[in-house]
Amino acid sequence: MPVSSWVVLFYGAVYVCSFALAYIKRGTFPFSESAAVVGIIGIGFTGLVFLATLFIGSTPITIHPSASELFFTIGYLVLTAAVLLRRSATRRQPGQFWQEKFTTLTFKLSLFVLIPLASLKIIWQIRWSDLGFTPGDLPGQLLAALVLMILFGGFNLAAGSAAGPIRRRQFSRKQVLQGLATAFCWNILETGLVEEFFFRAFVQTMLINALGSALAGICLVSLLFGLAHAPGIYLRKGDERGPLGESPTLINSILYSVVVLSTTGWFSGLLYWRTQSLVAPILVHAAIDAVAHTVEFIEGAAVSK
């Protein structure tokens, strides 16, 4: 059996075991909500991405990563994990919102984009297009992105826990629109570019070509993508509006990262694979997170009524 098949089985085994443990811990873990999210986002959203990208013309990025490139990829993943685990998370203090935002953005852009991008360009002369920096089928991408932004962002607004204050009309229309627009523009960089470049254009492309299987590459990156969020969830002591509350345990943070967050890697990985460009993945990712972060920007930036 090829290595790619073992990778898929490994991810399946980890996911099933995590799902089962989440069920056992349903007294403290939001199992019902998580299962619903998996069905809607993991399965439903992935299906929508498949349909929305049916007519996009793209050619799979084909590279032949050398042993040194694979060693760099794996080594940098380990380094990134170590940095994320060691980075202390501080609670935002009044008046420090933008200072914290710019500090976080600088950190993320450096760690997830600038360093790996510079290394790949300087040492291995990888083409910009092989790292997703290409318009590709731009009209098709923009149309697909618009449809997915409306559907995914709308779902987040209608059902997402972070958007609860918006649904309860705790803010004026001006505050919501300004907060949403600011959050979207900010997340184009902080989550869109940062996460889509690192996990999809960099790591996923390397693994798909090394393993010779898109499915194996997407599965493995989805797991890594989910687990990368665990330190932030745990060290920041969660989110008062989030499903785990303000003080999640380490095991619940890991379970949520695998069971729920790794499923977002399914549709994100598929979207990048079908478009072979960062344009649509960045826009869709930014739109989804913008809805979730609108209240944070309204309150943090003190948007007036």
C-alpha atoms as a PDB file:
ATOM      1  CA  MET A   1       0.000   0.000   0.000  1.00  0.00           C
ATOM      2  CA  PRO A   2       1.459   3.410  -0.963  1.00  0.00           C
ATOM      3  CA  VAL A   3       2.470   5.946   1.666  1.00  0.00           C
ATOM      4  CA  SER A   4      -0.357   8.261   0.622  1.00  0.00           C
ATOM      5  CA  SER A   5      -2.930   5.605   1.589  1.00  0.00           C
ATOM      6  CA  TRP A   6      -1.327   5.219   5.013  1.00  0.00           C
ATOM      7  CA  VAL A   7      -1.506   8.990   5.485  1.00  0.00           C
ATOM      8  CA  VAL A   8      -5.238   9.019   4.723  1.00  0.00           C
ATOM      9  CA  LEU A   9      -5.819   6.083   7.082  1.00  0.00           C
ATOM     10  CA  PHE A  10      -3.764   7.805   9.786  1.00  0.00           C
ATOM     11  CA  TYR A  11      -5.831  10.976   9.554  1.00  0.00           C
ATOM     12  CA  GLY A  12      -9.034   8.934   9.535  1.00  0.00           C
ATOM     13  CA  ALA A  13      -7.959   7.025  12.640  1.00  0.00           C
ATOM     14  CA  VAL A  14      -6.957  10.201  14.501  1.00  0.00           C
ATOM     15  CA  TYR A  15     -10.231  11.861  13.555  1.00  0.00           C
ATOM     16  CA  VAL A  16     -12.434   8.908  14.535  1.00  0.00           C
ATOM     17  CA  CYS A  17     -10.646   8.490  17.875  1.00  0.00           C
ATOM     18  CA  SER A  18     -10.924  12.224  18.590  1.00  0.00           C
ATOM     19  CA  PHE A  19     -14.608  12.217  17.656  1.00  0.00           C
ATOM     20  CA  ALA A  20     -15.241   9.248  19.956  1.00  0.00           C
ATOM     21  CA  LEU A  21     -13.358  10.877  22.845  1.00  0.00           C
ATOM     22  CA  ALA A  22     -15.294  14.100  22.300  1.00  0.00           C
ATOM     23  CA  TYR A  23     -18.516  12.103  22.645  1.00  0.00           C
ATOM     24  CA  ILE A  24     -17.276  10.487  25.853  1.00  0.00           C
ATOM     25  CA  LYS A  25     -16.404  13.935  27.230  1.00  0.00           C
ATOM     26  CA  ARG A  26     -19.690  15.489  26.097  1.00  0.00           C
ATOM     27  CA  GLY A  27     -20.344  16.613  29.667  1.00  0.00           C
ATOM     28  CA  THR A  28     -17.627  19.258  29.308  1.00  0.00           C
ATOM     29  CA  PHE A  29     -17.149  19.247  25.541  1.00  0.00           C
ATOM     30  CA  PRO A  30     -19.764  20.825  23.189  1.00  0.00           C
ATOM     31  CA  PHE A  31     -20.269  17.597  21.250  1.00  0.00           C
ATOM     32  CA  SER A  32     -23.711  18.266  19.722  1.00  0.00           C
ATOM     33  CA  GLU A  33     -22.701  21.685  18.444  1.00  0.00           C
ATOM     34  CA  SER A  34     -19.406  20.325  17.143  1.00  0.00           C
ATOM     35  CA  ALA A  35     -21.095  17.423  15.341  1.00  0.00           C
ATOM     36  CA  ALA A  36     -23.483  19.878  13.674  1.00  0.00           C
ATOM     37  CA  VAL A  37     -20.571  22.064  12.590  1.00  0.00           C
ATOM     38  CA  VAL A  38     -18.764  19.043  11.132  1.00  0.00           C
ATOM     39  CA  GLY A  39     -21.827  18.111   9.108  1.00  0.00           C
ATOM     40  CA  ILE A  40     -22.468  21.624   7.862  1.00  0.00           C
ATOM     41  CA  ILE A  41     -18.923  22.929   7.415  1.00  0.00           C
ATOM     42  CA  GLY A  42     -16.887  19.770   6.900  1.00  0.00           C
ATOM     43  CA  ILE A  43     -19.306  18.012   4.580  1.00  0.00           C
ATOM     44  CA  GLY A  44     -21.686  20.733   3.385  1.00  0.00           C
ATOM     45  CA  PHE A  45     -19.138  23.467   2.749  1.00  0.00           C
ATOM     46  CA  THR A  46     -16.756  21.055   1.042  1.00  0.00           C
ATOM     47  CA  GLY A  47     -19.558  19.995  -1.274  1.00  0.00           C
ATOM     48  CA  LEU A  48     -20.380  23.629  -2.045  1.00  0.00           C
ATOM     49  CA  VAL A  49     -16.732  24.353  -2.855  1.00  0.00           C
ATOM     50  CA  PHE A  50     -16.708  21.394  -5.233  1.00  0.00           C
ATOM     51  CA  LEU A  51     -19.796  22.698  -7.029  1.00  0.00           C
ATOM     52  CA  ALA A  52     -18.677  26.347  -7.065  1.00  0.00           C
ATOM     53  CA  THR A  53     -15.338  25.474  -8.671  1.00  0.00           C
ATOM     54  CA  LEU A  54     -16.594  23.035 -11.289  1.00  0.00           C
ATOM     55  CA  PHE A  55     -16.132  25.519 -14.122  1.00  0.00           C
ATOM     56  CA  ILE A  56     -12.823  27.011 -13.033  1.00  0.00           C
ATOM     57  CA  GLY A  57     -10.028  26.201 -15.434  1.00  0.00           C
ATOM     58  CA  SER A  58      -6.768  25.376 -13.676  1.00  0.00           C
ATOM     59  CA  THR A  59      -3.751  23.152 -14.085  1.00  0.00           C
ATOM     60  CA  PRO A  60      -2.465  21.377 -10.949  1.00  0.00           C
ATOM     61  CA  ILE A  61       0.801  22.823  -9.700  1.00  0.00           C
ATOM     62  CA  THR A  62       3.417  20.185 -10.339  1.00  0.00           C
ATOM     63  CA  ILE A  63       6.745  20.481  -8.611  1.00  0.00           C
ATOM     64  CA  HIS A  64       9.324  17.893  -7.740  1.00  0.00           C
ATOM     65  CA  PRO A  65      10.432  18.769  -4.213  1.00  0.00           C
ATOM     66  CA  SER A  66      13.980  17.712  -3.460  1.00  0.00           C
ATOM     67  CA  ALA A  67      15.003  16.010  -0.250  1.00  0.00           C
ATOM     68  CA  SER A  68      16.305  19.328   1.050  1.00  0.00           C
ATOM     69  CA  GLU A  69      12.970  21.055   0.324  1.00  0.00           C
ATOM     70  CA  LEU A  70      11.038  18.349   2.163  1.00  0.00           C
ATOM     71  CA  PHE A  71      13.488  18.502   5.063  1.00  0.00           C
ATOM     72  CA  PHE A  72      13.021  22.273   5.194  1.00  0.00           C
ATOM     73  CA  THR A  73       9.221  21.917   5.104  1.00  0.00           C
ATOM     74  CA  ILE A  74       9.131  19.384   7.931  1.00  0.00           C
ATOM     75  CA  GLY A  75      11.760  21.241   9.940  1.00  0.00           C
ATOM     76  CA  TYR A  76       9.941  24.539   9.562  1.00  0.00           C
ATOM     77  CA  LEU A  77       6.674  22.929  10.661  1.00  0.00           C
ATOM     78  CA  VAL A  78       8.408  21.703  13.826  1.00  0.00           C
ATOM     79  CA  LEU A  79       9.946  25.122  14.391  1.00  0.00           C
ATOM     80  CA  THR A  80       6.588  26.828  13.899  1.00  0.00           C
ATOM     81  CA  ALA A  81       4.918  24.487  16.371  1.00  0.00           C
ATOM     82  CA  ALA A  82       7.636  25.184  18.946  1.00  0.00           C
ATOM     83  CA  VAL A  83       7.309  28.946  18.476  1.00  0.00           C
ATOM     84  CA  LEU A  84       3.521  28.826  18.817  1.00  0.00           C
ATOM     85  CA  LEU A  85       3.759  26.722  21.969  1.00  0.00           C
ATOM     86  CA  ARG A  86       6.319  29.038  23.554  1.00  0.00           C
ATOM     87  CA  ARG A  87       4.694  32.290  22.574  1.00  0.00           C
ATOM     88  CA  SER A  88       2.941  33.615  25.613  1.00  0.00           C
ATOM     89  CA  ALA A  89      -0.570  34.875  25.048  1.00  0.00           C
ATOM     90  CA  THR A  90      -1.587  38.060  26.829  1.00  0.00           C
ATOM     91  CA  ARG A  91      -5.067  39.382  27.353  1.00  0.00           C
ATOM     92  CA  ARG A  92      -5.900  42.578  25.550  1.00  0.00           C
ATOM     93  CA  GLN A  93      -5.968  45.634  27.800  1.00  0.00           C
ATOM     94  CA  PRO A  94      -8.145  48.708  27.196  1.00  0.00           C
ATOM     95  CA  GLY A  95      -6.502  51.043  24.724  1.00  0.00           C
ATOM     96  CA  GLN A  96      -4.137  48.398  23.389  1.00  0.00           C
ATOM     97  CA  PHE A  97      -6.342  46.912  20.665  1.00  0.00           C
ATOM     98  CA  TRP A  98      -4.511  48.216  17.596  1.00  0.00           C
ATOM     99  CA  GLN A  99      -1.118  47.816  19.215  1.00  0.00           C
ATOM    100  CA  GLU A 100      -1.860  44.134  19.833  1.00  0.00           C
ATOM    101  CA  LYS A 101      -3.306  43.729  16.355  1.00  0.00           C
ATOM    102  CA  PHE A 102      -0.242  45.135  14.621  1.00  0.00           C
ATOM    103  CA  THR A 103       2.087  43.129  16.861  1.00  0.00           C
ATOM    104  CA  THR A 104       0.207  39.927  16.059  1.00  0.00           C
ATOM    105  CA  LEU A 105       0.087  40.714  12.334  1.00  0.00           C
ATOM    106  CA  THR A 106       3.821  41.408  12.222  1.00  0.00           C
ATOM    107  CA  PHE A 107       4.538  38.156  14.050  1.00  0.00           C
ATOM    108  CA  LYS A 108       2.281  36.086  11.784  1.00  0.00           C
ATOM    109  CA  LEU A 109       3.474  37.617   8.529  1.00  0.00           C
ATOM    110  CA  SER A 110       7.085  37.026   9.527  1.00  0.00           C
ATOM    111  CA  LEU A 111       6.658  33.445  10.743  1.00  0.00           C
ATOM    112  CA  PHE A 112       4.106  32.139   8.263  1.00  0.00           C
ATOM    113  CA  VAL A 113       4.836  34.108   5.086  1.00  0.00           C
ATOM    114  CA  LEU A 114       8.046  36.121   4.830  1.00  0.00           C
ATOM    115  CA  ILE A 115      10.557  33.600   6.211  1.00  0.00           C
ATOM    116  CA  PRO A 116       9.331  30.509   4.298  1.00  0.00           C
ATOM    117  CA  LEU A 117       8.669  32.548   1.150  1.00  0.00           C
ATOM    118  CA  ALA A 118      12.144  34.105   1.181  1.00  0.00           C
ATOM    119  CA  SER A 119      13.736  30.708   1.848  1.00  0.00           C
ATOM    120  CA  LEU A 120      11.898  29.009  -1.009  1.00  0.00           C
ATOM    121  CA  LYS A 121      12.628  31.833  -3.449  1.00  0.00           C
ATOM    122  CA  ILE A 122      16.278  32.402  -2.554  1.00  0.00           C
ATOM    123  CA  ILE A 123      17.463  28.851  -1.914  1.00  0.00           C
ATOM    124  CA  TRP A 124      15.331  26.808  -4.323  1.00  0.00           C
ATOM    125  CA  GLN A 125      14.184  29.515  -6.809  1.00  0.00           C
ATOM    126  CA  ILE A 126      10.591  28.322  -6.687  1.00  0.00           C
ATOM    127  CA  ARG A 127       8.370  30.277  -9.071  1.00  0.00           C
ATOM    128  CA  TRP A 128       5.753  32.701  -7.734  1.00  0.00           C
ATOM    129  CA  SER A 129       3.037  30.795  -9.576  1.00  0.00           C
ATOM    130  CA  ASP A 130       4.025  27.551  -7.813  1.00  0.00           C
ATOM    131  CA  LEU A 131       3.273  29.283  -4.514  1.00  0.00           C
ATOM    132  CA  GLY A 132      -0.185  30.476  -5.490  1.00  0.00           C
ATOM    133  CA  PHE A 133       0.779  34.015  -6.486  1.00  0.00           C
ATOM    134  CA  THR A 134      -1.019  33.896  -9.797  1.00  0.00           C
ATOM    135  CA  PRO A 135      -4.433  35.207 -10.944  1.00  0.00           C
ATOM    136  CA  GLY A 136      -5.258  31.862 -12.538  1.00  0.00           C
ATOM    137  CA  ASP A 137      -8.802  31.820 -13.884  1.00  0.00           C
ATOM    138  CA  LEU A 138      -9.542  35.189 -12.260  1.00  0.00           C
ATOM    139  CA  PRO A 139     -13.169  35.647 -13.417  1.00  0.00           C
ATOM    140  CA  GLY A 140     -14.035  32.112 -12.355  1.00  0.00           C
ATOM    141  CA  GLN A 141     -12.279  32.564  -9.030  1.00  0.00           C
ATOM    142  CA  LEU A 142     -13.995  35.856  -8.244  1.00  0.00           C
ATOM    143  CA  LEU A 143     -17.413  34.438  -9.090  1.00  0.00           C
ATOM    144  CA  ALA A 144     -16.825  31.328  -6.983  1.00  0.00           C
ATOM    145  CA  ALA A 145     -15.409  33.444  -4.150  1.00  0.00           C
ATOM    146  CA  LEU A 146     -18.436  35.760  -4.203  1.00  0.00           C
ATOM    147  CA  VAL A 147     -20.875  32.845  -4.005  1.00  0.00           C
ATOM    148  CA  LEU A 148     -18.922  31.131  -1.228  1.00  0.00           C
ATOM    149  CA  MET A 149     -18.425  34.377   0.731  1.00  0.00           C
ATOM    150  CA  ILE A 150     -22.171  35.007   0.744  1.00  0.00           C
ATOM    151  CA  LEU A 151     -23.014  31.414   1.716  1.00  0.00           C
ATOM    152  CA  PHE A 152     -20.275  30.846   4.279  1.00  0.00           C
ATOM    153  CA  GLY A 153     -20.338  34.354   5.722  1.00  0.00           C
ATOM    154  CA  GLY A 154     -24.122  34.245   5.875  1.00  0.00           C
ATOM    155  CA  PHE A 155     -24.030  30.958   7.746  1.00  0.00           C
ATOM    156  CA  ASN A 156     -21.518  32.363  10.222  1.00  0.00           C
ATOM    157  CA  LEU A 157     -23.735  35.396  10.753  1.00  0.00           C
ATOM    158  CA  ALA A 158     -26.875  33.292  11.219  1.00  0.00           C
ATOM    159  CA  ALA A 159     -25.428  30.534  13.395  1.00  0.00           C
ATOM    160  CA  GLY A 160     -21.954  31.482  14.616  1.00  0.00           C
ATOM    161  CA  SER A 161     -21.631  32.040  18.360  1.00  0.00           C
ATOM    162  CA  ALA A 162     -19.331  35.058  17.890  1.00  0.00           C
ATOM    163  CA  ALA A 163     -22.030  36.819  15.855  1.00  0.00           C
ATOM    164  CA  GLY A 164     -24.603  36.433  18.641  1.00  0.00           C
ATOM    165  CA  PRO A 165     -24.464  40.107  19.708  1.00  0.00           C
ATOM    166  CA  ILE A 166     -25.104  41.154  16.107  1.00  0.00           C
ATOM    167  CA  ARG A 167     -28.167  38.920  15.859  1.00  0.00           C
ATOM    168  CA  ARG A 168     -29.411  40.370  19.167  1.00  0.00           C
ATOM    169  CA  ARG A 169     -28.965  43.847  17.666  1.00  0.00           C
ATOM    170  CA  GLN A 170     -26.658  45.089  20.382  1.00  0.00           C
ATOM    171  CA  PHE A 171     -24.950  47.368  17.858  1.00  0.00           C
ATOM    172  CA  SER A 172     -26.203  49.906  15.337  1.00  0.00           C
ATOM    173  CA  ARG A 173     -26.175  49.216  11.615  1.00  0.00           C
ATOM    174  CA  LYS A 174     -23.312  51.697  11.198  1.00  0.00           C
ATOM    175  CA  GLN A 175     -21.238  49.885  13.830  1.00  0.00           C
ATOM    176  CA  VAL A 176     -21.870  46.489  12.253  1.00  0.00           C
ATOM    177  CA  LEU A 177     -21.070  47.624   8.714  1.00  0.00           C
ATOM    178  CA  GLN A 178     -17.937  49.487   9.778  1.00  0.00           C
ATOM    179  CA  GLY A 179     -16.784  46.661  12.030  1.00  0.00           C
ATOM    180  CA  LEU A 180     -17.446  44.055   9.323  1.00  0.00           C
ATOM    181  CA  ALA A 181     -15.608  46.048   6.640  1.00  0.00           C
ATOM    182  CA  THR A 182     -12.621  46.663   8.920  1.00  0.00           C
ATOM    183  CA  ALA A 183     -12.504  43.024  10.011  1.00  0.00           C
ATOM    184  CA  PHE A 184     -12.672  41.817   6.400  1.00  0.00           C
ATOM    185  CA  CYS A 185      -9.841  44.083   5.217  1.00  0.00           C
ATOM    186  CA  TRP A 186      -7.715  43.152   8.232  1.00  0.00           C
ATOM    187  CA  ASN A 187      -8.331  39.427   7.841  1.00  0.00           C
ATOM    188  CA  ILE A 188      -7.263  39.480   4.201  1.00  0.00           C
ATOM    189  CA  LEU A 189      -3.773  39.725   5.687  1.00  0.00           C
ATOM    190  CA  GLU A 190      -3.927  38.245   9.190  1.00  0.00           C
ATOM    191  CA  THR A 191      -5.834  35.056   8.429  1.00  0.00           C
ATOM    192  CA  GLY A 192      -6.339  34.979   4.654  1.00  0.00           C
ATOM    193  CA  LEU A 193      -2.822  35.532   3.370  1.00  0.00           C
ATOM    194  CA  VAL A 194      -1.066  34.126   6.438  1.00  0.00           C
ATOM    195  CA  GLU A 195      -2.929  30.833   6.757  1.00  0.00           C
ATOM    196  CA  GLU A 196      -3.713  30.175   3.111  1.00  0.00           C
ATOM    197  CA  PHE A 197      -0.136  30.770   2.003  1.00  0.00           C
ATOM    198  CA  PHE A 198       1.433  28.743   4.787  1.00  0.00           C
ATOM    199  CA  PHE A 199      -0.927  25.783   4.948  1.00  0.00           C
ATOM    200  CA  ARG A 200      -2.125  25.607   1.358  1.00  0.00           C
ATOM    201  CA  ALA A 201       0.377  27.225  -1.035  1.00  0.00           C
ATOM    202  CA  PHE A 202       3.454  26.129   0.918  1.00  0.00           C
ATOM    203  CA  VAL A 203       2.807  22.989   2.967  1.00  0.00           C
ATOM    204  CA  GLN A 204      -0.078  21.457   0.999  1.00  0.00           C
ATOM    205  CA  THR A 205       1.647  21.907  -2.359  1.00  0.00           C
ATOM    206  CA  MET A 206       4.819  20.283  -1.032  1.00  0.00           C
ATOM    207  CA  LEU A 207       2.998  17.341   0.539  1.00  0.00           C
ATOM    208  CA  ILE A 208       0.668  16.684  -2.405  1.00  0.00           C
ATOM    209  CA  ASN A 209       3.599  16.502  -4.792  1.00  0.00           C
ATOM    210  CA  ALA A 210       5.767  14.492  -2.394  1.00  0.00           C
ATOM    211  CA  LEU A 211       2.992  11.982  -1.639  1.00  0.00           C
ATOM    212  CA  GLY A 212       1.584  11.954  -5.168  1.00  0.00           C
ATOM    213  CA  SER A 213      -1.952  12.308  -3.833  1.00  0.00           C
ATOM    214  CA  ALA A 214      -4.158  15.380  -3.446  1.00  0.00           C
ATOM    215  CA  LEU A 215      -6.366  13.557  -0.913  1.00  0.00           C
ATOM    216  CA  ALA A 216      -3.434  12.575   1.295  1.00  0.00           C
ATOM    217  CA  GLY A 217      -1.937  16.048   1.161  1.00  0.00           C
ATOM    218  CA  ILE A 218      -5.225  17.771   2.012  1.00  0.00           C
ATOM    219  CA  CYS A 219      -5.934  15.334   4.876  1.00  0.00           C
ATOM    220  CA  LEU A 220      -2.510  15.801   6.453  1.00  0.00           C
ATOM    221  CA  VAL A 221      -2.572  19.592   6.103  1.00  0.00           C
ATOM    222  CA  SER A 222      -6.118  19.696   7.515  1.00  0.00           C
ATOM    223  CA  LEU A 223      -4.877  17.932  10.635  1.00  0.00           C
ATOM    224  CA  LEU A 224      -1.906  20.298  10.948  1.00  0.00           C
ATOM    225  CA  PHE A 225      -4.160  23.302  10.319  1.00  0.00           C
ATOM    226  CA  GLY A 226      -6.497  22.241  13.113  1.00  0.00           C
ATOM    227  CA  LEU A 227      -3.756  21.452  15.613  1.00  0.00           C
ATOM    228  CA  ALA A 228      -2.035  24.781  14.909  1.00  0.00           C
ATOM    229  CA  HIS A 229      -5.008  26.523  16.554  1.00  0.00           C
ATOM    230  CA  ALA A 230      -4.901  24.446  19.758  1.00  0.00           C
ATOM    231  CA  PRO A 231      -2.169  26.458  21.530  1.00  0.00           C
ATOM    232  CA  GLY A 232      -4.007  29.721  20.886  1.00  0.00           C
ATOM    233  CA  ILE A 233      -7.314  28.336  22.151  1.00  0.00           C
ATOM    234  CA  TYR A 234      -5.736  26.942  25.312  1.00  0.00           C
ATOM    235  CA  LEU A 235      -3.133  29.610  26.124  1.00  0.00           C
ATOM    236  CA  ARG A 236      -5.560  32.459  25.549  1.00  0.00           C
ATOM    237  CA  LYS A 237      -8.022  30.650  27.789  1.00  0.00           C
ATOM    238  CA  GLY A 238     -10.561  30.448  25.031  1.00  0.00           C
ATOM    239  CA  ASP A 239     -13.167  32.980  24.101  1.00  0.00           C
ATOM    240  CA  GLU A 240     -16.150  33.976  26.204  1.00  0.00           C
ATOM    241  CA  ARG A 241     -18.296  33.888  23.051  1.00  0.00           C
ATOM    242  CA  GLY A 242     -16.756  30.666  21.752  1.00  0.00           C
ATOM    243  CA  PRO A 243     -18.042  27.106  22.157  1.00  0.00           C
ATOM    244  CA  LEU A 244     -15.364  26.153  24.715  1.00  0.00           C
ATOM    245  CA  GLY A 245     -15.875  29.156  26.969  1.00  0.00           C
ATOM    246  CA  GLU A 246     -13.152  31.173  28.654  1.00  0.00           C
ATOM    247  CA  SER A 247     -11.261  28.355  30.395  1.00  0.00           C
ATOM    248  CA  PRO A 248     -11.019  25.278  28.149  1.00  0.00           C
ATOM    249  CA  THR A 249      -8.886  22.334  29.206  1.00  0.00           C
ATOM    250  CA  LEU A 250      -5.906  21.320  27.089  1.00  0.00           C
ATOM    251  CA  ILE A 251      -7.572  18.080  25.977  1.00  0.00           C
ATOM    252  CA  ASN A 252     -10.769  19.901  24.960  1.00  0.00           C
ATOM    253  CA  SER A 253      -8.715  22.463  23.027  1.00  0.00           C
ATOM    254  CA  ILE A 254      -6.982  19.665  21.116  1.00  0.00           C
ATOM    255  CA  LEU A 255     -10.223  17.758  20.514  1.00  0.00           C
ATOM    256  CA  TYR A 256     -11.951  20.871  19.199  1.00  0.00           C
ATOM    257  CA  SER A 257      -8.990  21.604  16.945  1.00  0.00           C
ATOM    258  CA  VAL A 258      -9.100  18.107  15.419  1.00  0.00           C
ATOM    259  CA  VAL A 259     -12.850  17.423  15.352  1.00  0.00           C
ATOM    260  CA  VAL A 260     -14.046  20.866  14.260  1.00  0.00           C
ATOM    261  CA  LEU A 261     -11.230  23.070  12.991  1.00  0.00           C
ATOM    262  CA  SER A 262      -9.476  20.440  10.896  1.00  0.00           C
ATOM    263  CA  THR A 263     -12.689  20.025   8.885  1.00  0.00           C
ATOM    264  CA  THR A 264     -12.353  23.612   7.666  1.00  0.00           C
ATOM    265  CA  GLY A 265      -9.153  22.387   6.056  1.00  0.00           C
ATOM    266  CA  TRP A 266     -11.238  20.093   3.873  1.00  0.00           C
ATOM    267  CA  PHE A 267     -12.998  22.859   1.960  1.00  0.00           C
ATOM    268  CA  SER A 268     -10.052  25.281   2.181  1.00  0.00           C
ATOM    269  CA  GLY A 269      -7.672  22.648   0.836  1.00  0.00           C
ATOM    270  CA  LEU A 270     -10.087  21.700  -1.926  1.00  0.00           C
ATOM    271  CA  LEU A 271     -10.631  25.356  -2.859  1.00  0.00           C
ATOM    272  CA  TYR A 272      -6.908  25.938  -3.280  1.00  0.00           C
ATOM    273  CA  TRP A 273      -6.443  22.664  -5.134  1.00  0.00           C
ATOM    274  CA  ARG A 274      -9.241  23.467  -7.585  1.00  0.00           C
ATOM    275  CA  THR A 275      -8.154  27.081  -8.199  1.00  0.00           C
ATOM    276  CA  GLN A 276      -4.351  26.679  -7.879  1.00  0.00           C
ATOM    277  CA  SER A 277      -4.288  30.317  -6.753  1.00  0.00           C
ATOM    278  CA  LEU A 278      -4.460  32.232  -3.479  1.00  0.00           C
ATOM    279  CA  VAL A 279      -7.060  34.724  -4.701  1.00  0.00           C
ATOM    280  CA  ALA A 280     -10.290  32.849  -3.906  1.00  0.00           C
ATOM    281  CA  PRO A 281      -9.002  31.093  -0.740  1.00  0.00           C
ATOM    282  CA  ILE A 282      -7.850  34.402   0.787  1.00  0.00           C
ATOM    283  CA  LEU A 283     -11.134  36.191   0.030  1.00  0.00           C
ATOM    284  CA  VAL A 284     -13.318  33.352   1.337  1.00  0.00           C
ATOM    285  CA  HIS A 285     -11.209  32.850   4.460  1.00  0.00           C
ATOM    286  CA  ALA A 286     -11.247  36.582   5.203  1.00  0.00           C
ATOM    287  CA  ALA A 287     -15.027  36.756   4.778  1.00  0.00           C
ATOM    288  CA  ILE A 288     -15.684  33.836   7.138  1.00  0.00           C
ATOM    289  CA  ASP A 289     -13.403  35.224   9.838  1.00  0.00           C
ATOM    290  CA  ALA A 290     -14.631  38.792   9.341  1.00  0.00           C
ATOM    291  CA  VAL A 291     -18.118  37.850  10.512  1.00  0.00           C
ATOM    292  CA  ALA A 292     -16.670  36.066  13.544  1.00  0.00           C
ATOM    293  CA  HIS A 293     -14.440  39.044  14.398  1.00  0.00           C
ATOM    294  CA  THR A 294     -16.859  41.908  13.719  1.00  0.00           C
ATOM    295  CA  VAL A 295     -17.841  42.318  17.371  1.00  0.00           C
ATOM    296  CA  GLU A 296     -14.174  42.238  18.387  1.00  0.00           C
ATOM    297  CA  PHE A 297     -13.426  45.133  16.012  1.00  0.00           C
ATOM    298  CA  ILE A 298     -16.482  47.108  17.062  1.00  0.00           C
ATOM    299  CA  GLU A 299     -15.539  46.863  20.722  1.00  0.00           C
ATOM    300  CA  GLY A 300     -11.767  46.984  20.357  1.00  0.00           C
ATOM    301  CA  ALA A 301     -11.692  49.868  17.921  1.00  0.00           C
ATOM    302  CA  ALA A 302     -14.493  51.609  19.831  1.00  0.00           C
ATOM    303  CA  VAL A 303     -16.663  52.131  16.735  1.00  0.00           C
ATOM    304  CA  SER A 304     -19.145  54.873  17.552  1.00  0.00           C
ATOM    305  CA  LYS A 305     -22.873  54.645  16.969  1.00  0.00           C
END
